[in-house]
Amino acid sequence: MAFGDITVSNGTVSRVFTPTKSDGQTARRIDNATTVVLPTFLDLKHQEEGKVGTAQHRDRHLISLRRTEKDAVTGELNEAVINCTIVIPRTGVITRAMSDEMTNVIRNFLVTANLDKLYRGEL
């Protein structure tokens, strides 16, 4: 697994996530603009599942963004987590173009208007 910095735009500025640990299947990176006490972590996990040679033989990838903030009134730490799981069969039936299209649908869904409705339970 590649183990270097990842730069991602948050829509306003670029955030640099620097590696903190890796075990071959999981890589954790911390946002350089945050601290160890109030971190934002980007975790990337990879897993192979199912019986080889069957339609159930798949690659599972998890992208997880975790942000910790301190409540100014209570002093309690609060964590928000956004996860994205991608599961692709190894049979080749689902092509790269198909998975790219699926990714684009999700990316285009994640806009403020849709998220507001989602958070209010309207979707």
PDB file of N, CA and C in Angstrom:
ATOM      1  N   MET A   1       0.845  -1.162   0.000  1.00  0.00           N
ATOM      2  CA  MET A   1       0.000   0.000   0.000  1.00  0.00           C
ATOM      3  C   MET A   1       0.897   1.234   0.000  1.00  0.00           C
ATOM      4  N   ALA A   2       0.596   2.192  -0.883  1.00  0.00           N
ATOM      5  CA  ALA A   2       1.359   3.434  -0.942  1.00  0.00           C
ATOM      6  C   ALA A   2       1.225   4.167   0.388  1.00  0.00           C
ATOM      7  N   PHE A   3       2.319   4.762   0.821  1.00  0.00           N
ATOM      8  CA  PHE A   3       2.317   5.370   2.146  1.00  0.00           C
ATOM      9  C   PHE A   3       2.939   6.748   2.091  1.00  0.00           C
ATOM     10  N   GLY A   4       2.273   7.687   1.431  1.00  0.00           N
ATOM     11  CA  GLY A   4       2.765   9.053   1.340  1.00  0.00           C
ATOM     12  C   GLY A   4       1.657  10.032   1.643  1.00  0.00           C
ATOM     13  N   ASP A   5       2.000  11.309   1.616  1.00  0.00           N
ATOM     14  CA  ASP A   5       1.002  12.355   1.839  1.00  0.00           C
ATOM     15  C   ASP A   5      -0.074  12.311   0.763  1.00  0.00           C
ATOM     16  N   ILE A   6      -1.285  12.669   1.140  1.00  0.00           N
ATOM     17  CA  ILE A   6      -2.400  12.817   0.207  1.00  0.00           C
ATOM     18  C   ILE A   6      -2.925  14.232   0.385  1.00  0.00           C
ATOM     19  N   THR A   7      -3.036  14.973  -0.720  1.00  0.00           N
ATOM     20  CA  THR A   7      -3.576  16.330  -0.684  1.00  0.00           C
ATOM     21  C   THR A   7      -4.966  16.317  -1.295  1.00  0.00           C
ATOM     22  N   VAL A   8      -5.944  16.850  -0.541  1.00  0.00           N
ATOM     23  CA  VAL A   8      -7.334  16.867  -0.977  1.00  0.00           C
ATOM     24  C   VAL A   8      -7.897  18.256  -0.710  1.00  0.00           C
ATOM     25  N   SER A   9      -8.651  18.780  -1.670  1.00  0.00           N
ATOM     26  CA  SER A   9      -9.303  20.071  -1.472  1.00  0.00           C
ATOM     27  C   SER A   9     -10.596  19.869  -0.690  1.00  0.00           C
ATOM     28  N   ASN A  10     -10.856  20.757   0.264  1.00  0.00           N
ATOM     29  CA  ASN A  10     -12.131  20.710   0.974  1.00  0.00           C
ATOM     30  C   ASN A  10     -13.129  21.688   0.345  1.00  0.00           C
ATOM     31  N   GLY A  11     -12.815  22.181  -0.833  1.00  0.00           N
ATOM     32  CA  GLY A  11     -13.664  23.134  -1.537  1.00  0.00           C
ATOM     33  C   GLY A  11     -13.195  24.561  -1.364  1.00  0.00           C
ATOM     34  N   THR A  12     -12.388  24.797  -0.340  1.00  0.00           N
ATOM     35  CA  THR A  12     -11.855  26.131  -0.074  1.00  0.00           C
ATOM     36  C   THR A  12     -10.330  26.128  -0.102  1.00  0.00           C
ATOM     37  N   VAL A  13      -9.757  25.194   0.639  1.00  0.00           N
ATOM     38  CA  VAL A  13      -8.299  25.078   0.705  1.00  0.00           C
ATOM     39  C   VAL A  13      -7.906  23.614   0.549  1.00  0.00           C
ATOM     40  N   SER A  14      -6.656  23.409   0.231  1.00  0.00           N
ATOM     41  CA  SER A  14      -6.145  22.035   0.152  1.00  0.00           C
ATOM     42  C   SER A  14      -5.726  21.581   1.535  1.00  0.00           C
ATOM     43  N   ARG A  15      -6.081  20.348   1.862  1.00  0.00           N
ATOM     44  CA  ARG A  15      -5.695  19.741   3.134  1.00  0.00           C
ATOM     45  C   ARG A  15      -4.663  18.662   2.830  1.00  0.00           C
ATOM     46  N   VAL A  16      -3.617  18.608   3.633  1.00  0.00           N
ATOM     47  CA  VAL A  16      -2.576  17.601   3.460  1.00  0.00           C
ATOM     48  C   VAL A  16      -2.705  16.594   4.594  1.00  0.00           C
ATOM     49  N   PHE A  17      -2.878  15.323   4.219  1.00  0.00           N
ATOM     50  CA  PHE A  17      -2.994  14.232   5.185  1.00  0.00           C
ATOM     51  C   PHE A  17      -1.686  13.446   5.167  1.00  0.00           C
ATOM     52  N   THR A  18      -1.020  13.432   6.313  1.00  0.00           N
ATOM     53  CA  THR A  18       0.284  12.794   6.444  1.00  0.00           C
ATOM     54  C   THR A  18       0.132  11.441   7.131  1.00  0.00           C
ATOM     55  N   PRO A  19       0.821  10.422   6.618  1.00  0.00           N
ATOM     56  CA  PRO A  19       0.717   9.083   7.215  1.00  0.00           C
ATOM     57  C   PRO A  19       1.126   9.051   8.686  1.00  0.00           C
ATOM     58  N   THR A  20       0.360   8.293   9.473  1.00  0.00           N
ATOM     59  CA  THR A  20       0.732   8.072  10.870  1.00  0.00           C
ATOM     60  C   THR A  20       0.983   6.601  11.148  1.00  0.00           C
ATOM     61  N   LYS A  21       0.262   5.704  10.431  1.00  0.00           N
ATOM     62  CA  LYS A  21       0.504   4.274  10.608  1.00  0.00           C
ATOM     63  C   LYS A  21      -0.092   3.499   9.436  1.00  0.00           C
ATOM     64  N   SER A  22       0.436   2.298   9.242  1.00  0.00           N
ATOM     65  CA  SER A  22      -0.082   1.408   8.203  1.00  0.00           C
ATOM     66  C   SER A  22       0.247  -0.017   8.589  1.00  0.00           C
ATOM     67  N   ASP A  23      -0.687  -0.937   8.298  1.00  0.00           N
ATOM     68  CA  ASP A  23      -0.439  -2.345   8.614  1.00  0.00           C
ATOM     69  C   ASP A  23      -0.589  -3.244   7.389  1.00  0.00           C
ATOM     70  N   GLY A  24      -0.605  -2.674   6.199  1.00  0.00           N
ATOM     71  CA  GLY A  24      -0.760  -3.477   4.994  1.00  0.00           C
ATOM     72  C   GLY A  24      -2.175  -3.462   4.457  1.00  0.00           C
ATOM     73  N   GLN A  25      -3.179  -3.395   5.335  1.00  0.00           N
ATOM     74  CA  GLN A  25      -4.569  -3.313   4.909  1.00  0.00           C
ATOM     75  C   GLN A  25      -5.218  -1.992   5.301  1.00  0.00           C
ATOM     76  N   THR A  26      -4.644  -1.318   6.289  1.00  0.00           N
ATOM     77  CA  THR A  26      -5.194  -0.062   6.766  1.00  0.00           C
ATOM     78  C   THR A  26      -4.099   0.979   6.819  1.00  0.00           C
ATOM     79  N   ALA A  27      -4.404   2.171   6.308  1.00  0.00           N
ATOM     80  CA  ALA A  27      -3.470   3.293   6.403  1.00  0.00           C
ATOM     81  C   ALA A  27      -4.208   4.452   7.056  1.00  0.00           C
ATOM     82  N   ARG A  28      -3.603   5.036   8.061  1.00  0.00           N
ATOM     83  CA  ARG A  28      -4.191   6.193   8.746  1.00  0.00           C
ATOM     84  C   ARG A  28      -3.318   7.404   8.459  1.00  0.00           C
ATOM     85  N   ARG A  29      -3.996   8.508   8.140  1.00  0.00           N
ATOM     86  CA  ARG A  29      -3.319   9.772   7.911  1.00  0.00           C
ATOM     87  C   ARG A  29      -4.009  10.841   8.753  1.00  0.00           C
ATOM     88  N   ILE A  30      -3.239  11.845   9.177  1.00  0.00           N
ATOM     89  CA  ILE A  30      -3.792  12.956   9.949  1.00  0.00           C
ATOM     90  C   ILE A  30      -3.682  14.233   9.132  1.00  0.00           C
ATOM     91  N   ASP A  31      -4.703  15.059   9.211  1.00  0.00           N
ATOM     92  CA  ASP A  31      -4.719  16.360   8.554  1.00  0.00           C
ATOM     93  C   ASP A  31      -3.672  17.239   9.236  1.00  0.00           C
ATOM     94  N   ASN A  32      -2.723  17.745   8.461  1.00  0.00           N
ATOM     95  CA  ASN A  32      -1.646  18.562   9.030  1.00  0.00           C
ATOM     96  C   ASN A  32      -2.145  19.835   9.696  1.00  0.00           C
ATOM     97  N   ALA A  33      -3.354  20.279   9.344  1.00  0.00           N
ATOM     98  CA  ALA A  33      -3.900  21.501   9.935  1.00  0.00           C
ATOM     99  C   ALA A  33      -4.570  21.239  11.281  1.00  0.00           C
ATOM    100  N   THR A  34      -4.616  19.976  11.728  1.00  0.00           N
ATOM    101  CA  THR A  34      -5.228  19.645  13.012  1.00  0.00           C
ATOM    102  C   THR A  34      -4.155  19.170  13.979  1.00  0.00           C
ATOM    103  N   THR A  35      -4.571  18.892  15.216  1.00  0.00           N
ATOM    104  CA  THR A  35      -3.626  18.474  16.251  1.00  0.00           C
ATOM    105  C   THR A  35      -3.919  17.049  16.692  1.00  0.00           C
ATOM    106  N   VAL A  36      -3.024  16.481  17.446  1.00  0.00           N
ATOM    107  CA  VAL A  36      -3.233  15.139  17.989  1.00  0.00           C
ATOM    108  C   VAL A  36      -4.393  15.151  18.982  1.00  0.00           C
ATOM    109  N   VAL A  37      -4.596  16.271  19.682  1.00  0.00           N
ATOM    110  CA  VAL A  37      -5.686  16.389  20.652  1.00  0.00           C
ATOM    111  C   VAL A  37      -7.035  16.527  19.939  1.00  0.00           C
ATOM    112  N   LEU A  38      -7.085  17.305  18.857  1.00  0.00           N
ATOM    113  CA  LEU A  38      -8.311  17.506  18.071  1.00  0.00           C
ATOM    114  C   LEU A  38      -8.014  17.143  16.613  1.00  0.00           C
ATOM    115  N   PRO A  39      -7.886  15.852  16.336  1.00  0.00           N
ATOM    116  CA  PRO A  39      -7.445  15.433  15.010  1.00  0.00           C
ATOM    117  C   PRO A  39      -8.565  15.309  13.983  1.00  0.00           C
ATOM    118  N   THR A  40      -8.163  15.356  12.733  1.00  0.00           N
ATOM    119  CA  THR A  40      -8.989  14.881  11.633  1.00  0.00           C
ATOM    120  C   THR A  40      -8.184  13.779  10.965  1.00  0.00           C
ATOM    121  N   PHE A  41      -8.734  12.565  10.968  1.00  0.00           N
ATOM    122  CA  PHE A  41      -8.053  11.411  10.394  1.00  0.00           C
ATOM    123  C   PHE A  41      -8.702  10.999   9.082  1.00  0.00           C
ATOM    124  N   LEU A  42      -7.889  10.572   8.145  1.00  0.00           N
ATOM    125  CA  LEU A  42      -8.339   9.935   6.918  1.00  0.00           C
ATOM    126  C   LEU A  42      -7.830   8.503   6.972  1.00  0.00           C
ATOM    127  N   ASP A  43      -8.759   7.553   7.082  1.00  0.00           N
ATOM    128  CA  ASP A  43      -8.401   6.128   7.115  1.00  0.00           C
ATOM    129  C   ASP A  43      -8.791   5.487   5.801  1.00  0.00           C
ATOM    130  N   LEU A  44      -7.890   4.681   5.255  1.00  0.00           N
ATOM    131  CA  LEU A  44      -8.133   3.924   4.030  1.00  0.00           C
ATOM    132  C   LEU A  44      -7.911   2.452   4.352  1.00  0.00           C
ATOM    133  N   LYS A  45      -8.959   1.652   4.128  1.00  0.00           N
ATOM    134  CA  LYS A  45      -8.872   0.228   4.451  1.00  0.00           C
ATOM    135  C   LYS A  45      -9.197  -0.596   3.212  1.00  0.00           C
ATOM    136  N   HIS A  46      -8.475  -1.689   3.061  1.00  0.00           N
ATOM    137  CA  HIS A  46      -8.659  -2.575   1.913  1.00  0.00           C
ATOM    138  C   HIS A  46      -8.820  -4.007   2.415  1.00  0.00           C
ATOM    139  N   GLN A  47      -9.768  -4.722   1.801  1.00  0.00           N
ATOM    140  CA  GLN A  47     -10.036  -6.091   2.220  1.00  0.00           C
ATOM    141  C   GLN A  47     -10.488  -6.897   1.002  1.00  0.00           C
ATOM    142  N   GLU A  48     -10.014  -8.102   0.901  1.00  0.00           N
ATOM    143  CA  GLU A  48     -10.479  -9.030  -0.123  1.00  0.00           C
ATOM    144  C   GLU A  48     -11.437  -9.992   0.554  1.00  0.00           C
ATOM    145  N   GLU A  49     -12.570 -10.274  -0.101  1.00  0.00           N
ATOM    146  CA  GLU A  49     -13.557 -11.154   0.523  1.00  0.00           C
ATOM    147  C   GLU A  49     -14.153 -12.099  -0.507  1.00  0.00           C
ATOM    148  N   GLY A  50     -14.758 -13.166  -0.020  1.00  0.00           N
ATOM    149  CA  GLY A  50     -15.427 -14.132  -0.882  1.00  0.00           C
ATOM    150  C   GLY A  50     -14.478 -15.176  -1.439  1.00  0.00           C
ATOM    151  N   LYS A  51     -15.074 -16.200  -2.025  1.00  0.00           N
ATOM    152  CA  LYS A  51     -14.329 -17.330  -2.569  1.00  0.00           C
ATOM    153  C   LYS A  51     -13.749 -16.969  -3.943  1.00  0.00           C
ATOM    154  N   VAL A  52     -12.462 -17.224  -4.106  1.00  0.00           N
ATOM    155  CA  VAL A  52     -11.778 -16.946  -5.370  1.00  0.00           C
ATOM    156  C   VAL A  52     -12.457 -17.717  -6.499  1.00  0.00           C
ATOM    157  N   GLY A  53     -12.650 -17.033  -7.634  1.00  0.00           N
ATOM    158  CA  GLY A  53     -13.247 -17.677  -8.805  1.00  0.00           C
ATOM    159  C   GLY A  53     -14.761 -17.629  -8.838  1.00  0.00           C
ATOM    160  N   THR A  54     -15.382 -16.956  -7.861  1.00  0.00           N
ATOM    161  CA  THR A  54     -16.844 -16.845  -7.833  1.00  0.00           C
ATOM    162  C   THR A  54     -17.246 -15.377  -7.918  1.00  0.00           C
ATOM    163  N   ALA A  55     -18.536 -15.153  -8.137  1.00  0.00           N
ATOM    164  CA  ALA A  55     -19.049 -13.785  -8.184  1.00  0.00           C
ATOM    165  C   ALA A  55     -18.940 -13.102  -6.826  1.00  0.00           C
ATOM    166  N   GLN A  56     -18.771 -13.880  -5.763  1.00  0.00           N
ATOM    167  CA  GLN A  56     -18.654 -13.307  -4.427  1.00  0.00           C
ATOM    168  C   GLN A  56     -17.225 -12.862  -4.099  1.00  0.00           C
ATOM    169  N   HIS A  57     -16.269 -13.134  -5.001  1.00  0.00           N
ATOM    170  CA  HIS A  57     -14.881 -12.708  -4.783  1.00  0.00           C
ATOM    171  C   HIS A  57     -14.799 -11.214  -5.111  1.00  0.00           C
ATOM    172  N   ARG A  58     -14.616 -10.400  -4.050  1.00  0.00           N
ATOM    173  CA  ARG A  58     -14.687  -8.951  -4.227  1.00  0.00           C
ATOM    174  C   ARG A  58     -13.582  -8.246  -3.456  1.00  0.00           C
ATOM    175  N   ASP A  59     -13.318  -7.024  -3.895  1.00  0.00           N
ATOM    176  CA  ASP A  59     -12.451  -6.115  -3.157  1.00  0.00           C
ATOM    177  C   ASP A  59     -13.336  -5.101  -2.456  1.00  0.00           C
ATOM    178  N   ARG A  60     -13.080  -4.891  -1.175  1.00  0.00           N
ATOM    179  CA  ARG A  60     -13.837  -3.927  -0.372  1.00  0.00           C
ATOM    180  C   ARG A  60     -12.861  -2.844   0.075  1.00  0.00           C
ATOM    181  N   HIS A  61     -13.240  -1.597  -0.167  1.00  0.00           N
ATOM    182  CA  HIS A  61     -12.405  -0.451   0.196  1.00  0.00           C
ATOM    183  C   HIS A  61     -13.246   0.485   1.060  1.00  0.00           C
ATOM    184  N   LEU A  62     -12.676   0.946   2.167  1.00  0.00           N
ATOM    185  CA  LEU A  62     -13.359   1.882   3.054  1.00  0.00           C
ATOM    186  C   LEU A  62     -12.545   3.169   3.119  1.00  0.00           C
ATOM    187  N   ILE A  63     -13.217   4.282   2.866  1.00  0.00           N
ATOM    188  CA  ILE A  63     -12.627   5.607   3.042  1.00  0.00           C
ATOM    189  C   ILE A  63     -13.379   6.221   4.217  1.00  0.00           C
ATOM    190  N   SER A  64     -12.651   6.595   5.253  1.00  0.00           N
ATOM    191  CA  SER A  64     -13.287   7.114   6.463  1.00  0.00           C
ATOM    192  C   SER A  64     -12.618   8.420   6.870  1.00  0.00           C
ATOM    193  N   LEU A  65     -13.430   9.454   7.058  1.00  0.00           N
ATOM    194  CA  LEU A  65     -12.934  10.751   7.516  1.00  0.00           C
ATOM    195  C   LEU A  65     -13.533  11.008   8.894  1.00  0.00           C
ATOM    196  N   ARG A  66     -12.669  11.215   9.902  1.00  0.00           N
ATOM    197  CA  ARG A  66     -13.099  11.416  11.287  1.00  0.00           C
ATOM    198  C   ARG A  66     -12.564  12.752  11.786  1.00  0.00           C
ATOM    199  N   ARG A  67     -13.456  13.584  12.270  1.00  0.00           N
ATOM    200  CA  ARG A  67     -13.060  14.901  12.779  1.00  0.00           C
ATOM    201  C   ARG A  67     -13.502  15.026  14.230  1.00  0.00           C
ATOM    202  N   THR A  68     -12.585  15.486  15.087  1.00  0.00           N
ATOM    203  CA  THR A  68     -12.872  15.677  16.506  1.00  0.00           C
ATOM    204  C   THR A  68     -12.815  17.157  16.839  1.00  0.00           C
ATOM    205  N   GLU A  69     -13.836  17.629  17.535  1.00  0.00           N
ATOM    206  CA  GLU A  69     -13.899  19.026  17.981  1.00  0.00           C
ATOM    207  C   GLU A  69     -14.294  19.050  19.458  1.00  0.00           C
ATOM    208  N   LYS A  70     -13.862  20.075  20.148  1.00  0.00           N
ATOM    209  CA  LYS A  70     -14.169  20.230  21.572  1.00  0.00           C
ATOM    210  C   LYS A  70     -15.317  21.227  21.743  1.00  0.00           C
ATOM    211  N   ASP A  71     -16.327  20.836  22.522  1.00  0.00           N
ATOM    212  CA  ASP A  71     -17.449  21.711  22.825  1.00  0.00           C
ATOM    213  C   ASP A  71     -16.944  22.836  23.724  1.00  0.00           C
ATOM    214  N   ALA A  72     -17.113  24.082  23.274  1.00  0.00           N
ATOM    215  CA  ALA A  72     -16.601  25.239  24.014  1.00  0.00           C
ATOM    216  C   ALA A  72     -17.289  25.420  25.364  1.00  0.00           C
ATOM    217  N   VAL A  73     -18.505  24.920  25.512  1.00  0.00           N
ATOM    218  CA  VAL A  73     -19.254  25.088  26.765  1.00  0.00           C
ATOM    219  C   VAL A  73     -18.960  23.960  27.741  1.00  0.00           C
ATOM    220  N   THR A  74     -19.089  22.708  27.282  1.00  0.00           N
ATOM    221  CA  THR A  74     -18.950  21.556  28.183  1.00  0.00           C
ATOM    222  C   THR A  74     -17.529  21.007  28.251  1.00  0.00           C
ATOM    223  N   GLY A  75     -16.724  21.305  27.234  1.00  0.00           N
ATOM    224  CA  GLY A  75     -15.371  20.755  27.174  1.00  0.00           C
ATOM    225  C   GLY A  75     -15.315  19.331  26.653  1.00  0.00           C
ATOM    226  N   GLU A  76     -16.488  18.765  26.346  1.00  0.00           N
ATOM    227  CA  GLU A  76     -16.523  17.391  25.834  1.00  0.00           C
ATOM    228  C   GLU A  76     -16.039  17.332  24.394  1.00  0.00           C
ATOM    229  N   LEU A  77     -15.392  16.210  24.058  1.00  0.00           N
ATOM    230  CA  LEU A  77     -14.960  15.980  22.685  1.00  0.00           C
ATOM    231  C   LEU A  77     -16.104  15.366  21.895  1.00  0.00           C
ATOM    232  N   ASN A  78     -16.296  15.855  20.682  1.00  0.00           N
ATOM    233  CA  ASN A  78     -17.338  15.364  19.786  1.00  0.00           C
ATOM    234  C   ASN A  78     -16.680  14.916  18.498  1.00  0.00           C
ATOM    235  N   GLU A  79     -17.162  13.795  17.965  1.00  0.00           N
ATOM    236  CA  GLU A  79     -16.578  13.250  16.743  1.00  0.00           C
ATOM    237  C   GLU A  79     -17.650  13.101  15.672  1.00  0.00           C
ATOM    238  N   ALA A  80     -17.317  13.548  14.467  1.00  0.00           N
ATOM    239  CA  ALA A  80     -18.158  13.319  13.295  1.00  0.00           C
ATOM    240  C   ALA A  80     -17.399  12.371  12.372  1.00  0.00           C
ATOM    241  N   VAL A  81     -18.139  11.453  11.744  1.00  0.00           N
ATOM    242  CA  VAL A  81     -17.516  10.460  10.871  1.00  0.00           C
ATOM    243  C   VAL A  81     -18.310  10.383   9.574  1.00  0.00           C
ATOM    244  N   ILE A  82     -17.588  10.391   8.459  1.00  0.00           N
ATOM    245  CA  ILE A  82     -18.201  10.125   7.159  1.00  0.00           C
ATOM    246  C   ILE A  82     -17.446   8.954   6.548  1.00  0.00           C
ATOM    247  N   ASN A  83     -18.197   7.898   6.218  1.00  0.00           N
ATOM    248  CA  ASN A  83     -17.619   6.701   5.619  1.00  0.00           C
ATOM    249  C   ASN A  83     -18.136   6.510   4.202  1.00  0.00           C
ATOM    250  N   CYS A  84     -17.287   5.972   3.371  1.00  0.00           N
ATOM    251  CA  CYS A  84     -17.681   5.561   2.027  1.00  0.00           C
ATOM    252  C   CYS A  84     -17.086   4.179   1.785  1.00  0.00           C
ATOM    253  N   THR A  85     -17.949   3.205   1.486  1.00  0.00           N
ATOM    254  CA  THR A  85     -17.491   1.851   1.207  1.00  0.00           C
ATOM    255  C   THR A  85     -17.698   1.549  -0.267  1.00  0.00           C
ATOM    256  N   ILE A  86     -16.661   1.027  -0.898  1.00  0.00           N
ATOM    257  CA  ILE A  86     -16.719   0.644  -2.306  1.00  0.00           C
ATOM    258  C   ILE A  86     -16.437  -0.852  -2.379  1.00  0.00           C
ATOM    259  N   VAL A  87     -17.372  -1.592  -2.964  1.00  0.00           N
ATOM    260  CA  VAL A  87     -17.209  -3.040  -3.120  1.00  0.00           C
ATOM    261  C   VAL A  87     -17.307  -3.354  -4.605  1.00  0.00           C
ATOM    262  N   ILE A  88     -16.251  -3.940  -5.141  1.00  0.00           N
ATOM    263  CA  ILE A  88     -16.194  -4.248  -6.568  1.00  0.00           C
ATOM    264  C   ILE A  88     -15.860  -5.732  -6.751  1.00  0.00           C
ATOM    265  N   PRO A  89     -16.715  -6.476  -7.494  1.00  0.00           N
ATOM    266  CA  PRO A  89     -16.405  -7.887  -7.751  1.00  0.00           C
ATOM    267  C   PRO A  89     -15.180  -8.007  -8.651  1.00  0.00           C
ATOM    268  N   ARG A  90     -14.431  -9.055  -8.459  1.00  0.00           N
ATOM    269  CA  ARG A  90     -13.216  -9.280  -9.243  1.00  0.00           C
ATOM    270  C   ARG A  90     -13.483  -9.951 -10.583  1.00  0.00           C
ATOM    271  N   THR A  91     -14.748 -10.276 -10.851  1.00  0.00           N
ATOM    272  CA  THR A  91     -15.059 -11.009 -12.083  1.00  0.00           C
ATOM    273  C   THR A  91     -14.891 -10.172 -13.337  1.00  0.00           C
ATOM    274  N   GLY A  92     -14.890  -8.852 -13.223  1.00  0.00           N
ATOM    275  CA  GLY A  92     -14.774  -7.994 -14.394  1.00  0.00           C
ATOM    276  C   GLY A  92     -16.109  -7.619 -15.002  1.00  0.00           C
ATOM    277  N   VAL A  93     -17.207  -8.163 -14.475  1.00  0.00           N
ATOM    278  CA  VAL A  93     -18.540  -7.843 -14.993  1.00  0.00           C
ATOM    279  C   VAL A  93     -18.840  -6.360 -14.764  1.00  0.00           C
ATOM    280  N   ILE A  94     -18.451  -5.853 -13.598  1.00  0.00           N
ATOM    281  CA  ILE A  94     -18.569  -4.425 -13.314  1.00  0.00           C
ATOM    282  C   ILE A  94     -17.266  -3.786 -13.779  1.00  0.00           C
ATOM    283  N   THR A  95     -17.349  -2.992 -14.842  1.00  0.00           N
ATOM    284  CA  THR A  95     -16.145  -2.396 -15.425  1.00  0.00           C
ATOM    285  C   THR A  95     -15.706  -1.158 -14.656  1.00  0.00           C
ATOM    286  N   ARG A  96     -14.502  -0.707 -14.959  1.00  0.00           N
ATOM    287  CA  ARG A  96     -14.003   0.529 -14.342  1.00  0.00           C
ATOM    288  C   ARG A  96     -14.910   1.698 -14.713  1.00  0.00           C
ATOM    289  N   ALA A  97     -15.372   1.751 -15.955  1.00  0.00           N
ATOM    290  CA  ALA A  97     -16.279   2.820 -16.382  1.00  0.00           C
ATOM    291  C   ALA A  97     -17.570   2.799 -15.565  1.00  0.00           C
ATOM    292  N   MET A  98     -18.087   1.608 -15.280  1.00  0.00           N
ATOM    293  CA  MET A  98     -19.300   1.491 -14.473  1.00  0.00           C
ATOM    294  C   MET A  98     -19.058   1.984 -13.053  1.00  0.00           C
ATOM    295  N   SER A  99     -17.940   1.586 -12.461  1.00  0.00           N
ATOM    296  CA  SER A  99     -17.657   2.025 -11.090  1.00  0.00           C
ATOM    297  C   SER A  99     -17.389   3.527 -11.048  1.00  0.00           C
ATOM    298  N   ASP A 100     -16.771   4.077 -12.103  1.00  0.00           N
ATOM    299  CA  ASP A 100     -16.572   5.530 -12.170  1.00  0.00           C
ATOM    300  C   ASP A 100     -17.911   6.254 -12.232  1.00  0.00           C
ATOM    301  N   GLU A 101     -18.859   5.713 -13.002  1.00  0.00           N
ATOM    302  CA  GLU A 101     -20.184   6.333 -13.093  1.00  0.00           C
ATOM    303  C   GLU A 101     -20.894   6.285 -11.742  1.00  0.00           C
ATOM    304  N   MET A 102     -20.793   5.154 -11.053  1.00  0.00           N
ATOM    305  CA  MET A 102     -21.410   5.040  -9.733  1.00  0.00           C
ATOM    306  C   MET A 102     -20.800   6.053  -8.764  1.00  0.00           C
ATOM    307  N   THR A 103     -19.491   6.212  -8.812  1.00  0.00           N
ATOM    308  CA  THR A 103     -18.799   7.180  -7.963  1.00  0.00           C
ATOM    309  C   THR A 103     -19.289   8.594  -8.255  1.00  0.00           C
ATOM    310  N   ASN A 104     -19.460   8.901  -9.534  1.00  0.00           N
ATOM    311  CA  ASN A 104     -19.940  10.238  -9.908  1.00  0.00           C
ATOM    312  C   ASN A 104     -21.357  10.501  -9.403  1.00  0.00           C
ATOM    313  N   VAL A 105     -22.219   9.492  -9.428  1.00  0.00           N
ATOM    314  CA  VAL A 105     -23.578   9.658  -8.911  1.00  0.00           C
ATOM    315  C   VAL A 105     -23.528  10.024  -7.426  1.00  0.00           C
ATOM    316  N   ILE A 106     -22.736   9.291  -6.658  1.00  0.00           N
ATOM    317  CA  ILE A 106     -22.621   9.569  -5.221  1.00  0.00           C
ATOM    318  C   ILE A 106     -22.016  10.953  -4.995  1.00  0.00           C
ATOM    319  N   ARG A 107     -20.946  11.263  -5.720  1.00  0.00           N
ATOM    320  CA  ARG A 107     -20.294  12.569  -5.587  1.00  0.00           C
ATOM    321  C   ARG A 107     -21.293  13.696  -5.863  1.00  0.00           C
ATOM    322  N   ASN A 108     -22.096  13.551  -6.903  1.00  0.00           N
ATOM    323  CA  ASN A 108     -23.058  14.594  -7.255  1.00  0.00           C
ATOM    324  C   ASN A 108     -24.253  14.640  -6.317  1.00  0.00           C
ATOM    325  N   PHE A 109     -24.529  13.549  -5.625  1.00  0.00           N
ATOM    326  CA  PHE A 109     -25.595  13.535  -4.619  1.00  0.00           C
ATOM    327  C   PHE A 109     -25.197  14.330  -3.375  1.00  0.00           C
ATOM    328  N   LEU A 110     -23.908  14.293  -3.042  1.00  0.00           N
ATOM    329  CA  LEU A 110     -23.425  14.894  -1.798  1.00  0.00           C
ATOM    330  C   LEU A 110     -23.275  16.409  -1.923  1.00  0.00           C
ATOM    331  N   VAL A 111     -24.390  17.084  -2.126  1.00  0.00           N
ATOM    332  CA  VAL A 111     -24.420  18.546  -2.163  1.00  0.00           C
ATOM    333  C   VAL A 111     -25.245  19.026  -0.969  1.00  0.00           C
ATOM    334  N   THR A 112     -25.072  20.269  -0.601  1.00  0.00           N
ATOM    335  CA  THR A 112     -25.696  20.814   0.602  1.00  0.00           C
ATOM    336  C   THR A 112     -27.204  20.583   0.655  1.00  0.00           C
ATOM    337  N   ALA A 113     -27.913  20.829  -0.442  1.00  0.00           N
ATOM    338  CA  ALA A 113     -29.372  20.675  -0.430  1.00  0.00           C
ATOM    339  C   ALA A 113     -29.769  19.239  -0.092  1.00  0.00           C
ATOM    340  N   ASN A 114     -29.116  18.270  -0.698  1.00  0.00           N
ATOM    341  CA  ASN A 114     -29.432  16.865  -0.412  1.00  0.00           C
ATOM    342  C   ASN A 114     -29.021  16.473   1.007  1.00  0.00           C
ATOM    343  N   LEU A 115     -27.869  16.951   1.449  1.00  0.00           N
ATOM    344  CA  LEU A 115     -27.419  16.622   2.804  1.00  0.00           C
ATOM    345  C   LEU A 115     -28.339  17.225   3.855  1.00  0.00           C
ATOM    346  N   ASP A 116     -28.804  18.451   3.628  1.00  0.00           N
ATOM    347  CA  ASP A 116     -29.757  19.056   4.576  1.00  0.00           C
ATOM    348  C   ASP A 116     -31.005  18.194   4.698  1.00  0.00           C
ATOM    349  N   LYS A 117     -31.537  17.737   3.570  1.00  0.00           N
ATOM    350  CA  LYS A 117     -32.727  16.873   3.586  1.00  0.00           C
ATOM    351  C   LYS A 117     -32.424  15.552   4.282  1.00  0.00           C
ATOM    352  N   LEU A 118     -31.262  14.991   4.010  1.00  0.00           N
ATOM    353  CA  LEU A 118     -30.854  13.727   4.632  1.00  0.00           C
ATOM    354  C   LEU A 118     -30.774  13.883   6.152  1.00  0.00           C
ATOM    355  N   TYR A 119     -30.111  14.945   6.611  1.00  0.00           N
ATOM    356  CA  TYR A 119     -29.960  15.172   8.049  1.00  0.00           C
ATOM    357  C   TYR A 119     -31.299  15.394   8.743  1.00  0.00           C
ATOM    358  N   ARG A 120     -32.271  15.966   8.032  1.00  0.00           N
ATOM    359  CA  ARG A 120     -33.589  16.188   8.608  1.00  0.00           C
ATOM    360  C   ARG A 120     -34.505  14.978   8.457  1.00  0.00           C
ATOM    361  N   GLY A 121     -33.997  13.904   7.823  1.00  0.00           N
ATOM    362  CA  GLY A 121     -34.785  12.685   7.650  1.00  0.00           C
ATOM    363  C   GLY A 121     -35.825  12.794   6.545  1.00  0.00           C
ATOM    364  N   GLU A 122     -35.632  13.689   5.597  1.00  0.00           N
ATOM    365  CA  GLU A 122     -36.600  13.899   4.528  1.00  0.00           C
ATOM    366  C   GLU A 122     -36.310  13.051   3.296  1.00  0.00           C
ATOM    367  N   LEU A 123     -35.232  12.332   3.281  1.00  0.00           N
ATOM    368  CA  LEU A 123     -34.919  11.449   2.141  1.00  0.00           C
ATOM    369  C   LEU A 123     -34.949   9.998   2.597  1.00  0.00           C
TER     370      LEU A 123
END
